[in-house]
């Protein structure tokens, strides 16, 4: 049974209660625009009683040339495919069933083959999803709280999700049931959840845009059915700040923007197994959008910060197999990002990303380079007749 607070069992209803409380406060994109990696699940009268085939393809090649003791270098190279049959019983209801296939290059075997099921109900600005939710980069977290690479390594999230979308406010609250436990299991159950919301407080004809984000994640490992003597673990991460964007009427430079966040980490476990019980972080991003590419300079200063879902580079503890016990409480990084999306014929989007970084504490220079190809297409198969026809 899931335990979050004290010794009282708490179900997912607790998170949904928090959602309802914060819901009164367009899609959040964190500090980067990752819209090329997300796909919408539309509903509406135009889809009523349609049967469609949706195909989502994703090819990736990301090379992390890292030589630090926190996050070792590695390369991702492969492809993912997710065809789905979609039926709309009514204008506000969407049913999906399909399969997810993941193939890493350099090995003859498939990495994953998993079924896909999603039910989405939408009423006005409110949406509720069960099954495979709109996860990973769709949530819009900053990278210290939610690793960009999860779009490759943890693309599927299964659970429940509530979305609230108005012209001024976007809210995404979700629960991802990562690992189910049964009687006599030799492992712990694992669950993650969170909330990401953003409210626009200023947006006028001068091109200024001012938004206030709030982001929260929680992870839990525990359960009462396993046979292992391992203490439960419950970790919380928070982030909030300010996002400013100014559109410019120039042909070469279209916008400048600044995002500033403060982050917080807390280990709420009964038994403390991590080097730090709490930590903080400062995350500053300044960027310019040009005709050639989007440029962004980011500064990160973490102090005892740990985020199990966040980017490994921002943590104060190592994930390296060579230095598993290495700890670096004060972590300072300077990251330059050069980003570009190319829209190709056939609903293809080619994304290039070059991200050199400098470790200010250790005087190390690392970099990563990536190519991504996203394909999203929906095909109408048949318009089913109403029962009364």
Protein backbone atom coordinates (compact mmCIF):
# COMPACT_ATOMS: atom_id res chain seq x y z
CA UNK A 1 0.00 0.00 0.00
CA UNK A 2 1.26 3.42 -0.95
CA UNK A 3 2.55 5.63 1.85
CA UNK A 4 3.43 9.29 1.35
CA UNK A 5 2.85 11.18 4.58
CA UNK A 6 3.52 10.07 8.14
CA UNK A 7 2.36 6.51 8.68
CA UNK A 8 -1.08 6.93 7.16
CA UNK A 9 -1.70 5.24 3.80
CA UNK A 10 -2.49 7.75 1.09
CA UNK A 11 -3.92 6.86 -2.32
CA UNK A 12 -3.73 8.81 -5.54
CA UNK A 13 -6.77 10.73 -4.32
CA UNK A 14 -4.41 12.86 -2.20
CA UNK A 15 -2.60 14.08 -5.30
CA UNK A 16 -5.88 14.75 -7.10
CA UNK A 17 -7.08 16.73 -4.07
CA UNK A 18 -3.94 18.85 -4.32
CA UNK A 19 -4.67 19.28 -8.01
CA UNK A 20 -8.17 20.58 -7.35
CA UNK A 21 -6.80 23.09 -4.84
CA UNK A 22 -4.15 24.40 -7.23
CA UNK A 23 -6.29 24.20 -10.36
CA UNK A 24 -7.71 27.67 -9.79
CA UNK A 25 -4.31 29.17 -10.11
CA UNK A 26 -1.02 27.61 -23.07
CA UNK A 27 1.01 24.42 -22.34
CA UNK A 28 4.01 24.87 -20.13
CA UNK A 29 7.28 24.17 -21.92
CA UNK A 30 9.78 24.37 -19.07
CA UNK A 31 12.90 26.23 -20.10
CA UNK A 32 12.90 24.72 -23.62
CA UNK A 33 10.36 24.42 -26.40
CA UNK A 34 10.05 20.65 -26.80
CA UNK A 35 6.85 20.75 -28.88
CA UNK A 36 8.50 18.67 -31.64
CA UNK A 37 8.60 15.72 -29.21
CA UNK A 38 4.98 15.88 -28.06
CA UNK A 39 1.71 14.98 -29.76
CA UNK A 40 -1.77 16.17 -29.00
CA UNK A 41 -4.75 13.86 -28.36
CA UNK A 42 -7.57 15.92 -29.88
CA UNK A 43 -11.27 15.41 -29.28
CA UNK A 44 -14.29 17.35 -30.49
CA UNK A 45 -17.36 17.24 -32.75
CA UNK A 46 -15.20 16.92 -35.87
CA UNK A 47 -14.04 13.47 -34.67
CA UNK A 48 -17.43 12.10 -33.51
CA UNK A 49 -17.76 8.38 -34.34
CA UNK A 50 -14.55 8.32 -36.35
CA UNK A 51 -12.15 5.38 -36.45
CA UNK A 52 -8.58 6.54 -37.08
CA UNK A 53 -5.05 5.18 -37.26
CA UNK A 54 -2.49 7.34 -35.46
CA UNK A 55 1.19 6.65 -36.09
CA UNK A 56 3.97 8.14 -34.00
CA UNK A 57 7.59 7.54 -34.95
CA UNK A 58 10.74 8.70 -33.17
CA UNK A 59 14.35 8.23 -34.27
CA UNK A 60 17.14 9.43 -32.00
CA UNK A 61 20.90 9.78 -31.86
CA UNK A 62 22.27 11.55 -28.77
CA UNK A 63 25.97 11.45 -27.93
CA UNK A 64 26.94 12.60 -24.43
CA UNK A 65 30.68 13.25 -24.41
CA UNK A 66 30.89 13.57 -20.62
CA UNK A 67 34.01 12.89 -18.57
CA UNK A 68 32.88 13.99 -15.10
CA UNK A 69 32.27 11.83 -12.04
CA UNK A 70 28.56 12.67 -11.70
CA UNK A 71 27.20 11.63 -15.09
CA UNK A 72 29.35 9.43 -17.37
CA UNK A 73 29.24 9.74 -21.13
CA UNK A 74 26.99 7.47 -23.19
CA UNK A 75 25.25 7.30 -26.56
CA UNK A 76 21.59 6.72 -27.44
CA UNK A 77 20.95 5.49 -31.00
CA UNK A 78 17.72 3.85 -32.09
CA UNK A 79 14.08 4.15 -33.05
CA UNK A 80 10.64 3.93 -31.48
CA UNK A 81 7.28 3.32 -33.18
CA UNK A 82 3.79 3.64 -31.70
CA UNK A 83 0.84 2.87 -34.03
CA UNK A 84 -2.60 3.16 -32.41
CA UNK A 85 -6.23 2.59 -33.38
CA UNK A 86 -8.37 5.49 -32.15
CA UNK A 87 -12.15 5.53 -31.81
CA UNK A 88 -14.35 8.47 -30.78
CA UNK A 89 -17.65 7.18 -29.31
CA UNK A 90 -18.71 10.81 -28.77
CA UNK A 91 -17.39 14.30 -29.34
CA UNK A 92 -15.64 14.47 -25.96
CA UNK A 93 -14.43 10.87 -25.58
CA UNK A 94 -11.33 9.29 -27.13
CA UNK A 95 -10.35 5.60 -26.90
CA UNK A 96 -6.91 4.36 -28.02
CA UNK A 97 -5.28 0.94 -28.30
CA UNK A 98 -1.94 0.15 -29.89
CA UNK A 99 1.60 -1.07 -29.42
CA UNK A 100 4.91 0.58 -28.54
CA UNK A 101 8.07 -0.84 -30.14
CA UNK A 102 11.59 0.28 -29.19
CA UNK A 103 14.70 -0.83 -31.06
CA UNK A 104 18.22 0.26 -30.09
CA UNK A 105 20.70 0.08 -32.94
CA UNK A 106 23.70 -2.19 -32.47
CA UNK A 107 21.69 -5.09 -31.05
CA UNK A 108 19.44 -7.62 -32.86
CA UNK A 109 16.83 -7.62 -30.10
CA UNK A 110 13.99 -5.25 -29.42
CA UNK A 111 14.39 -3.19 -26.26
CA UNK A 112 10.65 -3.01 -25.51
CA UNK A 113 7.32 -4.17 -26.92
CA UNK A 114 4.45 -2.88 -24.80
CA UNK A 115 0.69 -2.47 -25.26
CA UNK A 116 -0.87 0.99 -25.29
CA UNK A 117 -4.29 1.87 -23.88
CA UNK A 118 -5.66 5.37 -23.30
CA UNK A 119 -9.07 6.77 -22.41
CA UNK A 120 -9.41 10.54 -22.62
CA UNK A 121 -12.50 12.50 -21.59
CA UNK A 122 -12.64 16.24 -22.17
CA UNK A 123 -15.20 18.77 -21.03
CA UNK A 124 -14.40 22.41 -21.73
CA UNK A 125 -10.96 23.23 -20.31
CA UNK A 126 -10.87 20.00 -18.25
CA UNK A 127 -9.39 16.70 -19.49
CA UNK A 128 -9.01 13.38 -17.70
CA UNK A 129 -6.81 10.55 -18.99
CA UNK A 130 -6.48 6.94 -17.82
CA UNK A 131 -3.94 4.42 -19.07
CA UNK A 132 -1.02 5.74 -21.09
CA UNK A 133 -0.97 9.42 -20.19
CA UNK A 134 0.62 12.32 -22.06
CA UNK A 135 3.94 12.08 -20.28
CA UNK A 136 7.68 12.83 -20.42
CA UNK A 137 8.30 16.20 -22.13
CA UNK A 138 4.57 16.99 -22.37
CA UNK A 139 4.58 17.86 -18.65
CA UNK A 140 6.81 20.86 -19.33
CA UNK A 141 9.23 20.52 -16.42
CA UNK A 142 12.63 22.15 -16.24
CA UNK A 143 15.50 19.70 -16.67
CA UNK A 144 16.70 19.69 -13.03
CA UNK A 145 13.28 18.25 -12.12
CA UNK A 146 12.63 16.10 -15.19
CA UNK A 147 15.36 14.73 -17.45
CA UNK A 148 15.00 15.46 -21.17
CA UNK A 149 16.44 12.00 -21.91
CA UNK A 150 13.35 10.36 -20.40
CA UNK A 151 11.70 10.96 -23.78
CA UNK A 152 14.07 8.18 -24.92
CA UNK A 153 14.53 6.00 -21.85
CA UNK A 154 11.12 6.32 -20.15
CA UNK A 155 8.79 7.40 -22.94
CA UNK A 156 5.70 5.62 -21.63
CA UNK A 157 3.88 6.69 -18.46
CA UNK A 158 0.89 4.73 -17.19
CA UNK A 159 -1.62 5.98 -14.66
CA UNK A 160 -3.99 8.92 -14.44
CA UNK A 161 -3.67 12.55 -15.55
CA UNK A 162 -5.73 15.70 -15.14
CA UNK A 163 -5.24 18.63 -17.54
CA UNK A 164 -6.65 22.14 -17.26
CA UNK A 165 -6.12 24.44 -20.23
CA UNK A 166 -7.27 28.04 -20.73
CA UNK A 167 -5.68 30.91 -22.67
CA UNK A 168 -4.04 32.12 -19.43
CA UNK A 169 -3.46 28.95 -17.41
CA UNK A 170 -2.12 25.47 -18.06
CA UNK A 171 -2.13 22.77 -15.38
CA UNK A 172 -0.92 19.18 -15.67
CA UNK A 173 -1.29 16.82 -12.70
CA UNK A 174 -0.34 13.19 -13.08
CA UNK A 175 0.43 9.87 -11.43
CA UNK A 176 2.72 7.36 -13.15
CA UNK A 177 2.51 3.86 -11.66
CA UNK A 178 6.02 2.69 -12.54
CA UNK A 179 6.15 -0.76 -10.98
CA UNK A 180 3.35 -2.93 -9.63
CA UNK A 181 4.01 -5.08 -6.56
CA UNK A 182 2.36 -8.42 -5.75
CA UNK A 183 2.42 -10.75 -2.75
CA UNK A 184 5.91 -12.17 -2.15
CA UNK A 185 7.52 -9.82 -4.66
CA UNK A 186 11.28 -9.47 -4.26
CA UNK A 187 11.14 -5.78 -5.22
CA UNK A 188 9.45 -2.59 -4.07
CA UNK A 189 6.53 -0.89 -5.76
CA UNK A 190 7.47 2.36 -7.50
CA UNK A 191 5.26 5.35 -8.23
CA UNK A 192 5.90 8.89 -9.40
CA UNK A 193 3.60 11.88 -9.64
CA UNK A 194 3.57 15.59 -9.88
CA UNK A 195 2.05 18.83 -10.94
CA UNK A 196 3.24 21.47 -13.40
CA UNK A 197 1.27 24.66 -13.81
CA UNK A 198 1.93 28.01 -15.42
CA UNK A 199 -0.16 31.18 -15.30
CA UNK A 200 0.22 34.11 -17.68
CA UNK A 201 0.08 37.39 -15.76
CA UNK A 202 1.01 39.68 -18.65
CA UNK A 203 0.62 39.51 -22.40
CA UNK A 204 -0.12 42.56 -24.50
CA UNK A 205 0.23 44.05 -27.96
CA UNK A 206 3.77 45.22 -27.25
CA UNK A 207 4.98 41.62 -27.39
CA UNK A 208 5.81 41.23 -23.70
CA UNK A 209 4.87 37.92 -22.08
CA UNK A 210 5.20 37.27 -18.34
CA UNK A 211 4.38 33.89 -16.79
CA UNK A 212 4.67 32.38 -13.33
CA UNK A 213 5.40 28.61 -13.19
CA UNK A 214 5.07 26.17 -10.31
CA UNK A 215 6.37 22.61 -10.59
CA UNK A 216 6.29 19.67 -8.19
CA UNK A 217 7.34 16.02 -8.40
CA UNK A 218 7.20 13.16 -5.91
CA UNK A 219 8.64 9.65 -6.12
CA UNK A 220 7.97 6.74 -3.80
CA UNK A 221 9.40 3.27 -3.36
CA UNK A 222 7.88 0.97 -0.76
CA UNK A 223 4.93 -1.31 -0.35
CA UNK A 224 3.82 -3.97 2.14
CA UNK A 225 3.76 -7.11 -0.02
CA UNK A 226 7.44 -7.71 -0.77
CA UNK A 227 9.85 -10.11 0.92
CA UNK A 228 12.88 -7.80 1.04
CA UNK A 229 14.06 -5.74 4.01
CA UNK A 230 14.53 -2.38 2.28
CA UNK A 231 13.23 0.88 3.81
CA UNK A 232 10.69 2.92 1.90
CA UNK A 233 11.82 6.08 0.15
CA UNK A 234 9.77 9.22 -0.55
CA UNK A 235 11.39 12.20 -2.26
CA UNK A 236 9.92 15.61 -3.14
CA UNK A 237 11.14 18.27 -5.59
CA UNK A 238 9.77 21.78 -6.14
CA UNK A 239 10.53 24.61 -8.54
CA UNK A 240 9.05 28.05 -9.10
CA UNK A 241 10.17 31.30 -10.63
CA UNK A 242 9.44 33.75 -13.43
CA UNK A 243 9.43 33.53 -17.23
CA UNK A 244 9.75 36.63 -19.42
CA UNK A 245 9.60 36.73 -23.20
CA UNK A 246 9.70 39.67 -25.61
CA UNK A 247 8.75 39.25 -29.28
CA UNK A 248 10.80 41.39 -31.67
CA UNK A 249 9.76 42.73 -35.09
CA UNK A 250 13.02 41.80 -36.79
CA UNK A 251 13.63 39.36 -39.61
CA UNK A 252 16.74 37.74 -38.09
CA UNK A 253 15.92 37.90 -34.36
CA UNK A 254 12.31 37.05 -33.46
CA UNK A 255 12.39 36.98 -29.64
CA UNK A 256 14.47 37.23 -26.49
CA UNK A 257 13.57 35.49 -23.23
CA UNK A 258 14.68 34.89 -19.66
CA UNK A 259 13.63 32.16 -17.23
CA UNK A 260 14.67 32.05 -13.58
CA UNK A 261 13.83 29.23 -11.17
CA UNK A 262 14.58 28.32 -7.58
CA UNK A 263 14.38 24.61 -6.76
CA UNK A 264 14.05 22.58 -3.57
CA UNK A 265 14.64 18.94 -2.66
CA UNK A 266 13.47 17.08 0.43
CA UNK A 267 13.91 13.46 1.51
CA UNK A 268 10.72 12.61 3.42
CA UNK A 269 11.71 8.97 4.02
CA UNK A 270 11.59 7.54 7.54
CA UNK A 271 15.05 6.04 7.01
CA UNK A 272 17.52 8.44 5.41
CA UNK A 273 19.68 6.62 2.88
CA UNK A 274 20.87 9.56 0.76
CA UNK A 275 23.84 11.84 1.55
CA UNK A 276 21.55 14.90 1.84
CA UNK A 277 18.15 15.24 3.49
CA UNK A 278 17.37 18.48 1.64
CA UNK A 279 18.88 20.72 -0.98
CA UNK A 280 18.32 23.78 -3.14
CA UNK A 281 19.14 25.01 -6.60
CA UNK A 282 19.20 28.17 -8.72
CA UNK A 283 18.51 27.77 -12.43
CA UNK A 284 18.84 30.78 -14.76
CA UNK A 285 18.26 30.74 -18.52
CA UNK A 286 18.66 33.54 -21.06
CA UNK A 287 18.00 33.01 -24.75
CA UNK A 288 17.46 34.51 -28.16
CA UNK A 289 15.46 33.05 -31.07
CA UNK A 290 17.03 33.72 -34.47
CA UNK A 291 16.32 32.71 -38.03
CA UNK A 292 19.26 30.28 -38.00
CA UNK A 293 18.79 28.69 -34.56
CA UNK A 294 17.65 29.27 -31.01
CA UNK A 295 20.44 30.06 -28.56
CA UNK A 296 20.27 29.72 -24.79
CA UNK A 297 22.77 30.17 -21.99
CA UNK A 298 21.92 28.40 -18.73
CA UNK A 299 23.50 28.62 -15.28
CA UNK A 300 22.89 25.99 -12.59
CA UNK A 301 23.98 26.17 -8.96
CA UNK A 302 22.87 23.22 -6.85
CA UNK A 303 23.55 22.62 -3.18
CA UNK A 304 22.81 19.08 -2.05
CA UNK A 305 20.17 18.84 -4.76
CA UNK A 306 18.84 15.40 -5.74
CA UNK A 307 16.02 14.72 -8.17
CA UNK A 308 15.33 11.07 -9.08
CA UNK A 309 13.43 12.12 -12.22
CA UNK A 310 15.68 15.07 -13.09
CA UNK A 311 18.71 15.40 -15.31
CA UNK A 312 21.70 13.55 -13.93
CA UNK A 313 24.06 16.47 -14.53
CA UNK A 314 22.22 18.61 -11.99
CA UNK A 315 22.44 16.15 -9.11
CA UNK A 316 24.91 16.26 -6.24
CA UNK A 317 25.29 12.46 -6.22
CA UNK A 318 26.90 10.26 -8.84
CA UNK A 319 25.23 7.77 -11.20
CA UNK A 320 28.61 6.61 -12.51
CA UNK A 321 29.51 2.93 -12.25
CA UNK A 322 33.16 3.92 -11.88
CA UNK A 323 32.51 6.39 -9.03
CA UNK A 324 29.18 5.29 -7.46
CA UNK A 325 29.89 6.87 -4.06
CA UNK A 326 31.10 10.22 -5.37
CA UNK A 327 29.33 13.24 -3.85
CA UNK A 328 29.58 16.87 -4.86
CA UNK A 329 27.35 19.02 -2.67
CA UNK A 330 28.05 22.31 -4.48
CA UNK A 331 27.46 21.89 -8.19
CA UNK A 332 27.89 24.74 -10.69
CA UNK A 333 27.37 24.42 -14.45
CA UNK A 334 27.33 26.79 -17.39
CA UNK A 335 25.48 25.35 -20.41
CA UNK A 336 25.17 26.73 -23.92
CA UNK A 337 22.35 25.34 -26.06
CA UNK A 338 22.11 25.67 -29.83
CA UNK A 339 18.73 24.33 -30.97
CA UNK A 340 16.88 24.10 -34.27
CA UNK A 341 13.72 22.38 -35.54
CA UNK A 342 13.41 21.74 -39.28
CA UNK A 343 9.88 21.00 -40.54
CA UNK A 344 10.13 18.58 -43.45
CA UNK A 345 7.46 17.28 -45.87
CA UNK A 346 5.25 14.47 -44.60
CA UNK A 347 4.81 15.77 -41.03
CA UNK A 348 8.46 15.13 -40.22
CA UNK A 349 10.40 17.33 -37.81
CA UNK A 350 14.19 17.11 -37.69
CA UNK A 351 15.69 18.52 -34.48
CA UNK A 352 19.36 19.30 -33.95
CA UNK A 353 20.83 20.15 -30.55
CA UNK A 354 24.40 21.02 -29.60
CA UNK A 355 24.98 21.58 -25.88
CA UNK A 356 28.51 22.32 -24.63
CA UNK A 357 28.82 22.75 -20.86
CA UNK A 358 31.46 23.91 -18.43
CA UNK A 359 31.79 22.59 -14.89
CA UNK A 360 32.78 25.70 -12.93
CA UNK A 361 33.82 23.81 -9.80
CA UNK A 362 36.09 21.28 -11.50
CA UNK A 363 37.20 23.17 -14.60
CA UNK A 364 35.82 20.48 -16.94
CA UNK A 365 34.46 21.00 -20.44
CA UNK A 366 31.90 18.47 -21.74
CA UNK A 367 29.38 18.53 -24.56
CA UNK A 368 26.54 16.61 -26.18
CA UNK A 369 25.23 16.54 -29.73
CA UNK A 370 21.90 15.11 -30.84
CA UNK A 371 19.76 14.48 -33.92
CA UNK A 372 16.07 13.60 -33.57
CA UNK A 373 13.40 12.81 -36.14
CA UNK A 374 9.75 12.95 -35.07
CA UNK A 375 6.79 11.78 -37.15
CA UNK A 376 3.16 12.18 -36.13
CA UNK A 377 0.31 11.43 -38.50
CA UNK A 378 -3.39 10.61 -38.12
CA UNK A 379 -5.26 8.71 -40.85
CA UNK A 380 -9.07 8.51 -41.10
CA UNK A 381 -10.10 4.87 -41.59
CA UNK A 382 -13.87 5.07 -41.36
CA UNK A 383 -16.77 7.16 -40.16
CA UNK A 384 -18.96 4.75 -38.19
CA UNK A 385 -22.71 5.11 -38.42
CA UNK A 386 -24.82 6.10 -35.42
CA UNK A 387 -27.04 3.38 -33.98
CA UNK A 388 -30.12 5.43 -34.82
CA UNK A 389 -29.15 5.69 -38.51
